[in-house]
Amino acid sequence: MRTDSHANLSTKVRGYVDLMKLRVVELLLVSTLPAMVLAQNGLPSLSLTISTLIGGTLAAGSANAFNMVIESESDKLMKRTAKRPLATGVLSKREATVFATFIGLISLVIFGVFTTPLATLLSFIAIAFYVIVYTIGLKRRTTQNIVWGGAAGCMPALIGWAAVTNSLSVTAWSFFFVIFFWTPPHFWALAIKYKDDYAAAGIPMLPVVATKTHLLRQMWVYTIAMVASSVALFINADLQVWAQALNLILGALFAWQLRGLDEKSENYEKIAGKIFHWSITYLSLLSVLLVAAQLLKA
């Protein structure tokens, strides 16, 4: 009896953790820390850094949990999401909603007490935007869902800056736009791999409804805009020439990966999967470069 009870508790706990989509949250935190370092012109205090990262984790986890509540039925139709805790019945909608609300409120308390009013406000906006604008408003209504809805995923760049300065700057917005333009090719590469899932769920992701030619053209447009925004970021942050050179190399490597994907490609989905994984590597390396360049400059 105790074993069964322990197993059920463990499954529940795991379900709550899965609601937060921590793998996605990692990407959000990758952009938070560089923004804080740039804003501070060096390393911010350990207490502020920890508070911002914990608050950001809970805020993103809350938004992701609300997303799963809203999409619990469509998740059952997709192989990629069929094992999520609401789709399998590990958690009820009520349990997930209470959890999402609780950690969302805790995140705002953490931001309010340990960071700044602007960072707190931006965190609230990020949660609301992802849940209401993207998940409810855009995702099932437009092929540009991830373009505009992806703005919520760019907010950590602003939140990290605001947590340090209680203000925003051209540099912070430059970082925001790097991630804004990075998001579509990153996510569309994943959607290519799972386009049958999205089609089954009735979600009009661009790879589902557009021709390969149109999709690739769009991916190139956003990739070029991403590289241009990254150049502006390094200029506005007044980082060193060597850092800008490495930034351009990273952008060129991103474009080179994309170059391998065309409508005549063999293993089209496999190549898209590689682009998706490289896009994560790109953002991680860019963040490391930003931190290293700022610390060496300081």
Protein backbone atom coordinates (compact mmCIF):
# COMPACT_ATOMS: atom_id res chain seq x y z
CA MET A 1 0.00 0.00 0.00
CA ARG A 2 2.77 2.41 0.93
CA THR A 3 4.64 1.51 -2.24
CA ASP A 4 1.58 2.31 -4.36
CA SER A 5 1.07 5.57 -2.50
CA HIS A 6 4.71 6.52 -2.95
CA ALA A 7 4.55 5.68 -6.66
CA ASN A 8 1.41 7.78 -7.11
CA LEU A 9 3.02 10.73 -5.29
CA SER A 10 6.17 10.41 -7.39
CA THR A 11 4.10 10.35 -10.58
CA LYS A 12 2.17 13.44 -9.48
CA VAL A 13 5.34 15.33 -8.63
CA ARG A 14 6.84 14.40 -11.96
CA GLY A 15 3.65 15.56 -13.63
CA TYR A 16 3.89 18.99 -12.00
CA VAL A 17 7.53 19.30 -13.09
CA ASP A 18 6.60 18.30 -16.65
CA LEU A 19 3.95 21.03 -16.70
CA MET A 20 6.70 23.63 -16.52
CA LYS A 21 8.52 22.41 -19.67
CA LEU A 22 11.90 23.00 -18.06
CA ARG A 23 13.80 22.25 -21.27
CA VAL A 24 12.09 25.23 -22.85
CA VAL A 25 12.70 27.31 -19.72
CA GLU A 26 16.45 26.65 -20.04
CA LEU A 27 16.45 28.53 -23.33
CA LEU A 28 14.72 31.48 -21.70
CA LEU A 29 17.27 31.62 -18.91
CA VAL A 30 20.08 31.52 -21.46
CA SER A 31 19.03 34.99 -22.59
CA THR A 32 18.33 36.36 -19.10
CA LEU A 33 21.85 36.18 -17.70
CA PRO A 34 23.62 37.92 -20.62
CA ALA A 35 21.08 40.72 -20.44
CA MET A 36 21.86 41.16 -16.74
CA VAL A 37 25.63 41.16 -17.34
CA LEU A 38 25.31 43.73 -20.13
CA ALA A 39 23.08 45.93 -17.99
CA GLN A 40 25.47 45.73 -15.04
CA ASN A 41 28.59 46.18 -17.21
CA GLY A 42 29.92 43.21 -15.28
CA LEU A 43 28.59 40.56 -12.94
CA PRO A 44 25.41 41.53 -11.06
CA SER A 45 25.13 40.54 -7.41
CA LEU A 46 24.65 36.85 -6.71
CA SER A 47 21.40 37.44 -4.81
CA LEU A 48 19.88 39.45 -7.67
CA THR A 49 21.00 36.88 -10.23
CA ILE A 50 19.55 33.95 -8.30
CA SER A 51 16.29 35.79 -7.61
CA THR A 52 15.87 36.75 -11.26
CA LEU A 53 16.62 33.25 -12.53
CA ILE A 54 14.30 31.57 -10.02
CA GLY A 55 11.56 34.11 -10.68
CA GLY A 56 12.03 33.66 -14.42
CA THR A 57 11.87 29.88 -14.13
CA LEU A 58 8.61 30.01 -12.21
CA ALA A 59 7.10 32.66 -14.52
CA ALA A 60 7.92 30.64 -17.64
CA GLY A 61 6.80 27.45 -15.91
CA SER A 62 3.48 29.07 -15.07
CA ALA A 63 2.92 30.17 -18.67
CA ASN A 64 3.79 26.70 -19.94
CA ALA A 65 1.46 25.04 -17.45
CA PHE A 66 -1.44 27.29 -18.47
CA ASN A 67 -0.61 26.43 -22.07
CA MET A 68 -0.98 22.71 -21.31
CA VAL A 69 -4.32 23.29 -19.58
CA ILE A 70 -5.68 25.13 -22.61
CA GLU A 71 -4.28 22.60 -25.09
CA SER A 72 -4.94 19.43 -23.12
CA GLU A 73 -7.31 18.02 -25.75
CA SER A 74 -5.15 18.81 -28.78
CA ASP A 75 -2.13 17.36 -26.95
CA LYS A 76 -3.87 13.99 -27.04
CA LEU A 77 -3.90 14.14 -30.85
CA MET A 78 -0.15 14.68 -31.24
CA LYS A 79 2.44 11.95 -30.75
CA ARG A 80 4.97 14.54 -29.50
CA THR A 81 2.66 15.71 -26.72
CA ALA A 82 0.51 12.65 -26.01
CA LYS A 83 2.51 11.81 -22.88
CA ARG A 84 2.06 15.18 -21.22
CA PRO A 85 0.50 14.95 -17.73
CA LEU A 86 -2.93 16.28 -18.69
CA ALA A 87 -3.11 14.21 -21.86
CA THR A 88 -2.40 11.03 -19.89
CA GLY A 89 -4.61 11.95 -16.94
CA VAL A 90 -1.79 12.07 -14.40
CA LEU A 91 -3.06 15.51 -13.44
CA SER A 92 -6.49 17.08 -13.75
CA LYS A 93 -7.13 20.47 -15.33
CA ARG A 94 -8.01 21.83 -11.90
CA GLU A 95 -4.75 20.63 -10.36
CA ALA A 96 -2.75 22.05 -13.25
CA THR A 97 -4.58 25.38 -13.13
CA VAL A 98 -4.03 25.76 -9.39
CA PHE A 99 -0.34 24.91 -9.82
CA ALA A 100 0.11 27.33 -12.74
CA THR A 101 -1.58 30.13 -10.79
CA PHE A 102 0.43 29.44 -7.64
CA ILE A 103 3.88 29.41 -9.21
CA GLY A 104 2.95 32.41 -11.36
CA LEU A 105 2.06 34.42 -8.27
CA ILE A 106 5.21 33.25 -6.48
CA SER A 107 7.31 34.37 -9.43
CA LEU A 108 5.79 37.85 -9.34
CA VAL A 109 6.36 38.06 -5.58
CA ILE A 110 10.01 37.12 -6.06
CA PHE A 111 10.45 39.72 -8.79
CA GLY A 112 8.60 42.33 -6.73
CA VAL A 113 10.59 41.78 -3.56
CA PHE A 114 14.07 41.06 -4.89
CA THR A 115 14.30 42.84 -8.26
CA THR A 116 12.55 45.92 -9.66
CA PRO A 117 8.99 47.07 -10.42
CA LEU A 118 9.66 47.11 -14.16
CA ALA A 119 11.02 43.55 -14.16
CA THR A 120 7.92 42.46 -12.23
CA LEU A 121 5.59 44.16 -14.71
CA LEU A 122 7.41 42.68 -17.70
CA SER A 123 7.20 39.19 -16.17
CA PHE A 124 3.44 39.56 -15.76
CA ILE A 125 3.14 40.78 -19.36
CA ALA A 126 5.21 37.81 -20.59
CA ILE A 127 2.93 35.29 -18.85
CA ALA A 128 -0.25 37.00 -20.05
CA PHE A 129 1.05 37.40 -23.59
CA TYR A 130 2.03 33.75 -23.93
CA VAL A 131 -1.23 32.44 -22.47
CA ILE A 132 -3.78 34.89 -23.86
CA VAL A 133 -2.29 36.33 -27.03
CA TYR A 134 -0.33 33.31 -28.30
CA THR A 135 -2.07 30.19 -26.96
CA ILE A 136 -5.67 31.44 -27.05
CA GLY A 137 -5.55 34.19 -29.65
CA LEU A 138 -3.02 33.29 -32.32
CA LYS A 139 -1.97 29.65 -32.32
CA ARG A 140 -5.04 28.25 -34.09
CA ARG A 141 -5.86 31.32 -36.16
CA THR A 142 -2.77 32.24 -38.17
CA THR A 143 0.31 30.72 -39.76
CA GLN A 144 2.27 33.60 -38.23
CA ASN A 145 1.38 32.36 -34.74
CA ILE A 146 4.95 31.64 -33.66
CA VAL A 147 6.22 34.92 -35.12
CA TRP A 148 4.09 37.19 -32.97
CA GLY A 149 3.47 34.76 -30.15
CA GLY A 150 7.21 34.18 -29.93
CA ALA A 151 7.57 37.69 -28.53
CA ALA A 152 6.80 36.20 -25.12
CA GLY A 153 9.97 34.11 -25.39
CA CYS A 154 12.00 37.26 -26.07
CA MET A 155 10.91 38.93 -22.85
CA PRO A 156 13.74 37.49 -20.67
CA ALA A 157 16.16 39.77 -22.53
CA LEU A 158 14.13 42.76 -21.32
CA ILE A 159 13.39 41.29 -17.89
CA GLY A 160 17.06 40.58 -17.19
CA TRP A 161 18.02 44.13 -18.12
CA ALA A 162 15.15 45.64 -16.13
CA ALA A 163 16.00 43.51 -13.08
CA VAL A 164 19.33 45.34 -12.89
CA THR A 165 18.41 48.87 -13.99
CA ASN A 166 14.62 49.19 -13.62
CA SER A 167 14.72 50.60 -17.15
CA LEU A 168 15.19 49.50 -20.74
CA SER A 169 17.72 50.56 -23.35
CA VAL A 170 18.49 50.24 -27.05
CA THR A 171 20.87 47.40 -26.18
CA ALA A 172 18.13 45.50 -24.35
CA TRP A 173 15.76 45.92 -27.29
CA SER A 174 18.49 44.84 -29.70
CA PHE A 175 18.84 41.58 -27.76
CA PHE A 176 15.06 41.22 -27.76
CA PHE A 177 14.98 41.42 -31.56
CA VAL A 178 17.80 38.91 -31.98
CA ILE A 179 15.64 36.35 -30.18
CA PHE A 180 12.47 37.56 -31.92
CA PHE A 181 13.96 36.86 -35.36
CA TRP A 182 15.69 33.67 -34.14
CA THR A 183 12.42 32.10 -32.96
CA PRO A 184 10.65 31.42 -36.31
CA PRO A 185 13.46 29.46 -38.04
CA HIS A 186 14.15 27.68 -34.74
CA PHE A 187 10.54 26.61 -34.23
CA TRP A 188 9.65 26.00 -37.87
CA ALA A 189 12.56 23.57 -38.12
CA LEU A 190 10.93 21.60 -35.30
CA ALA A 191 7.49 21.94 -36.88
CA ILE A 192 8.80 20.45 -40.13
CA LYS A 193 9.67 17.31 -38.22
CA TYR A 194 6.27 17.19 -36.52
CA LYS A 195 4.06 18.70 -39.20
CA ASP A 196 1.81 15.61 -39.27
CA ASP A 197 1.18 16.10 -35.56
CA TYR A 198 0.22 19.74 -36.03
CA ALA A 199 -1.99 18.84 -38.97
CA ALA A 200 -3.77 16.20 -36.89
CA ALA A 201 -4.38 18.75 -34.14
CA GLY A 202 -5.61 21.39 -36.59
CA ILE A 203 -2.84 23.86 -35.75
CA PRO A 204 -1.81 25.91 -38.83
CA MET A 205 1.94 26.02 -38.29
CA LEU A 206 3.61 27.34 -41.43
CA PRO A 207 5.24 24.00 -42.41
CA VAL A 208 1.77 22.43 -42.38
CA VAL A 209 -0.01 24.86 -44.71
CA ALA A 210 2.74 26.50 -46.82
CA THR A 211 4.79 25.18 -49.70
CA LYS A 212 8.39 24.27 -48.97
CA THR A 213 9.53 27.17 -51.17
CA HIS A 214 7.53 29.73 -49.19
CA LEU A 215 8.59 28.23 -45.88
CA LEU A 216 12.28 28.33 -46.76
CA ARG A 217 11.98 31.89 -48.01
CA GLN A 218 10.46 32.90 -44.70
CA MET A 219 13.17 31.08 -42.73
CA TRP A 220 15.85 32.92 -44.71
CA VAL A 221 14.20 36.30 -44.14
CA TYR A 222 14.13 35.81 -40.38
CA THR A 223 17.64 34.37 -40.28
CA ILE A 224 19.06 37.39 -42.11
CA ALA A 225 17.13 39.72 -39.79
CA MET A 226 18.48 37.79 -36.79
CA VAL A 227 22.09 38.20 -37.91
CA ALA A 228 21.54 41.90 -38.62
CA SER A 229 20.01 42.36 -35.17
CA SER A 230 22.93 40.56 -33.54
CA VAL A 231 25.36 42.92 -35.27
CA ALA A 232 23.35 45.87 -33.93
CA LEU A 233 23.39 44.30 -30.46
CA PHE A 234 27.18 44.08 -30.35
CA ILE A 235 27.47 47.64 -31.64
CA ASN A 236 24.98 49.04 -29.14
CA ALA A 237 26.64 47.12 -26.30
CA ASP A 238 29.99 48.58 -27.42
CA LEU A 239 31.65 45.18 -27.43
CA GLN A 240 35.04 44.43 -28.91
CA VAL A 241 35.81 43.89 -32.59
CA TRP A 242 36.89 40.29 -31.96
CA ALA A 243 33.50 39.62 -30.33
CA GLN A 244 31.68 41.05 -33.33
CA ALA A 245 33.80 38.87 -35.62
CA LEU A 246 32.85 35.74 -33.65
CA ASN A 247 29.24 36.87 -33.69
CA LEU A 248 29.33 37.06 -37.48
CA ILE A 249 30.88 33.59 -37.65
CA LEU A 250 28.04 32.21 -35.53
CA GLY A 251 25.51 33.87 -37.81
CA ALA A 252 27.24 32.48 -40.88
CA LEU A 253 27.18 28.98 -39.39
CA PHE A 254 23.45 29.34 -38.71
CA ALA A 255 22.90 30.38 -42.33
CA TRP A 256 25.10 27.52 -43.56
CA GLN A 257 22.92 25.02 -41.71
CA LEU A 258 19.85 26.54 -43.30
CA ARG A 259 21.50 26.39 -46.73
CA GLY A 260 21.31 22.59 -46.61
CA LEU A 261 17.51 22.69 -46.48
CA ASP A 262 15.67 23.11 -49.77
CA GLU A 263 12.62 21.63 -51.40
CA LYS A 264 14.74 19.06 -53.22
CA SER A 265 16.68 17.96 -50.14
CA GLU A 266 16.86 14.28 -49.36
CA ASN A 267 16.11 13.55 -45.71
CA TYR A 268 14.26 16.89 -45.51
CA GLU A 269 12.96 16.25 -42.01
CA LYS A 270 16.33 15.00 -40.76
CA ILE A 271 18.04 18.15 -41.96
CA ALA A 272 15.33 20.25 -40.29
CA GLY A 273 16.00 18.41 -37.04
CA LYS A 274 19.68 19.30 -37.27
CA ILE A 275 18.80 22.95 -37.86
CA PHE A 276 16.56 22.90 -34.79
CA HIS A 277 19.34 21.54 -32.59
CA TRP A 278 21.93 23.89 -34.08
CA SER A 279 19.64 26.86 -33.41
CA ILE A 280 19.73 25.99 -29.70
CA THR A 281 23.53 25.74 -29.85
CA TYR A 282 23.66 29.08 -31.65
CA LEU A 283 21.68 30.91 -28.97
CA SER A 284 23.70 29.29 -26.20
CA LEU A 285 27.04 30.21 -27.82
CA LEU A 286 25.83 33.74 -28.53
CA SER A 287 24.91 34.17 -24.86
CA VAL A 288 28.29 32.86 -23.72
CA LEU A 289 30.01 35.23 -26.16
CA LEU A 290 28.04 38.21 -24.85
CA VAL A 291 28.95 37.43 -21.24
CA ALA A 292 32.62 36.77 -22.04
CA ALA A 293 32.99 39.92 -24.14
CA GLN A 294 31.35 42.11 -21.50
CA LEU A 295 33.42 40.68 -18.65
CA LEU A 296 36.67 41.05 -20.62
CA LYS A 297 35.72 44.61 -21.51
CA ALA A 298 34.98 45.45 -17.89
